[in-house]
Amino acid sequence: MPEVTLYHYPRCSTSRKARQLLDQLGVNVQERRYFTELPTEAEIRALARLLPGGVHDIISTRSRRYREMNLADARLSEDEWIRLLATEPGLWRRPIAVKGRQAVVGYDEERLRALAE
């Protein structure tokens, strides 16, 4: 049975939808509830290496926290973004599903199904 790590926020309907799909597909899901178990900077850096846009693919530019922090015009380095993500879980796009060297950000049914294979 495939194992997927799901960076997950159960209060988010999109995140719950992804979890439900993975369960239906028979995937062994290891939840990582990043609001209560913040990933380390090293974990974020490793996750960013799996994504085509790097750390920027992790950042939710539509989140309330992003707006509150006035980050739209921020010119932060990758290290600064990583430090911010390690302390501000409200900035994370959700969910993020990871299996091996593959990651899917957000709810993309086709890509989640491919990840589950």
Protein backbone atom coordinates (compact mmCIF):
# COMPACT_ATOMS: atom_id res chain seq x y z
CA MET A 1 0.00 0.00 0.00
CA PRO A 2 1.49 3.38 -0.98
CA GLU A 3 2.31 5.82 1.79
CA VAL A 4 1.76 9.52 1.34
CA THR A 5 2.63 12.27 3.78
CA LEU A 6 -0.16 14.84 3.76
CA TYR A 7 0.66 18.31 5.04
CA HIS A 8 -2.82 18.88 6.25
CA TYR A 9 -5.13 21.32 8.04
CA PRO A 10 -8.33 19.43 8.90
CA ARG A 11 -10.42 22.61 9.18
CA CYS A 12 -9.79 23.33 5.49
CA SER A 13 -12.39 21.79 3.17
CA THR A 14 -9.87 21.37 0.34
CA SER A 15 -7.49 19.56 2.66
CA ARG A 16 -10.29 17.28 3.91
CA LYS A 17 -11.31 16.56 0.31
CA ALA A 18 -7.76 15.45 -0.55
CA ARG A 19 -7.60 13.26 2.55
CA GLN A 20 -10.93 11.67 1.63
CA LEU A 21 -9.75 10.92 -1.94
CA LEU A 22 -6.52 9.35 -0.71
CA ASP A 23 -8.48 7.23 1.76
CA GLN A 24 -10.84 6.08 -1.04
CA LEU A 25 -7.81 5.11 -3.11
CA GLY A 26 -6.52 2.92 -0.28
CA VAL A 27 -3.46 5.05 0.40
CA ASN A 28 -1.76 4.83 3.77
CA VAL A 29 -1.75 8.51 4.77
CA GLN A 30 0.61 9.92 7.33
CA GLU A 31 -0.92 13.24 8.35
CA ARG A 32 1.29 16.16 9.14
CA ARG A 33 -0.91 18.75 10.81
CA TYR A 34 1.40 21.67 10.31
CA PHE A 35 -0.62 24.08 12.47
CA THR A 36 0.15 21.96 15.55
CA GLU A 37 3.36 20.28 14.37
CA LEU A 38 5.31 22.94 12.51
CA PRO A 39 7.80 21.59 9.97
CA THR A 40 11.40 22.57 10.53
CA GLU A 41 13.30 24.81 8.15
CA ALA A 42 15.17 21.73 6.90
CA GLU A 43 11.88 19.94 6.18
CA ILE A 44 10.52 22.95 4.32
CA ARG A 45 13.71 23.22 2.29
CA ALA A 46 13.48 19.52 1.35
CA LEU A 47 9.82 19.90 0.42
CA ALA A 48 10.59 22.97 -1.70
CA ARG A 49 13.16 20.96 -3.69
CA LEU A 50 10.33 18.66 -4.84
CA LEU A 51 8.28 21.51 -6.29
CA PRO A 52 8.88 23.23 -9.64
CA GLY A 53 8.46 26.70 -8.11
CA GLY A 54 10.43 25.85 -5.00
CA VAL A 55 9.41 27.49 -1.76
CA HIS A 56 7.03 29.82 -3.62
CA ASP A 57 4.78 26.86 -4.44
CA ILE A 58 4.23 26.36 -0.70
CA ILE A 59 3.08 29.93 -0.03
CA SER A 60 -0.63 30.70 -0.12
CA THR A 61 -0.83 34.15 -1.66
CA ARG A 62 -4.62 34.08 -1.13
CA SER A 63 -4.44 33.44 2.60
CA ARG A 64 -5.67 35.90 5.19
CA ARG A 65 -2.27 35.73 6.93
CA TYR A 66 -0.45 36.63 3.71
CA ARG A 67 -2.64 39.74 3.39
CA GLU A 68 -2.33 40.64 7.08
CA MET A 69 1.44 40.52 6.81
CA ASN A 70 1.41 42.64 3.63
CA LEU A 71 3.59 40.15 1.77
CA ALA A 72 2.35 40.83 -1.76
CA ASP A 73 5.18 43.25 -2.46
CA ALA A 74 7.74 41.61 -0.18
CA ARG A 75 11.13 40.96 -1.70
CA LEU A 76 12.22 38.10 0.53
CA SER A 77 14.99 35.64 -0.15
CA GLU A 78 14.26 31.91 -0.21
CA ASP A 79 15.80 31.59 3.27
CA GLU A 80 13.53 34.35 4.59
CA TRP A 81 10.44 32.68 3.10
CA ILE A 82 11.49 29.37 4.65
CA ARG A 83 11.95 30.97 8.08
CA LEU A 84 8.52 32.58 7.73
CA LEU A 85 6.85 29.30 6.73
CA ALA A 86 8.45 27.60 9.74
CA THR A 87 6.73 30.06 12.09
CA GLU A 88 3.53 31.04 10.24
CA PRO A 89 1.40 28.01 9.34
CA GLY A 90 -1.31 30.31 7.97
CA LEU A 91 0.95 31.01 4.98
CA TRP A 92 0.91 27.39 3.77
CA ARG A 93 -1.03 26.31 0.68
CA ARG A 94 -3.02 23.26 1.46
CA PRO A 95 -2.88 20.45 1.26
CA ILE A 96 0.52 19.23 0.14
CA ALA A 97 0.81 15.50 -0.56
CA VAL A 98 4.25 13.91 -0.79
CA LYS A 99 5.32 10.43 -1.85
CA GLY A 100 8.99 9.78 -2.42
CA ARG A 101 10.36 12.50 -4.70
CA GLN A 102 6.92 13.66 -5.87
CA ALA A 103 4.66 16.33 -4.37
CA VAL A 104 1.23 17.68 -5.21
CA VAL A 105 0.14 21.07 -3.93
CA GLY A 106 -3.57 21.76 -3.53
CA TYR A 107 -6.44 19.55 -4.58
CA ASP A 108 -5.71 18.24 -8.06
CA GLU A 109 -7.61 14.98 -8.37
CA GLU A 110 -5.70 13.72 -11.40
CA ARG A 111 -2.30 14.40 -9.85
CA LEU A 112 -3.34 12.97 -6.47
CA ARG A 113 -4.53 9.79 -8.20
CA ALA A 114 -1.19 9.53 -10.03
CA LEU A 115 0.67 10.06 -6.77
CA ALA A 116 -1.36 7.26 -5.16
CA GLU A 117 -0.29 4.68 -7.76
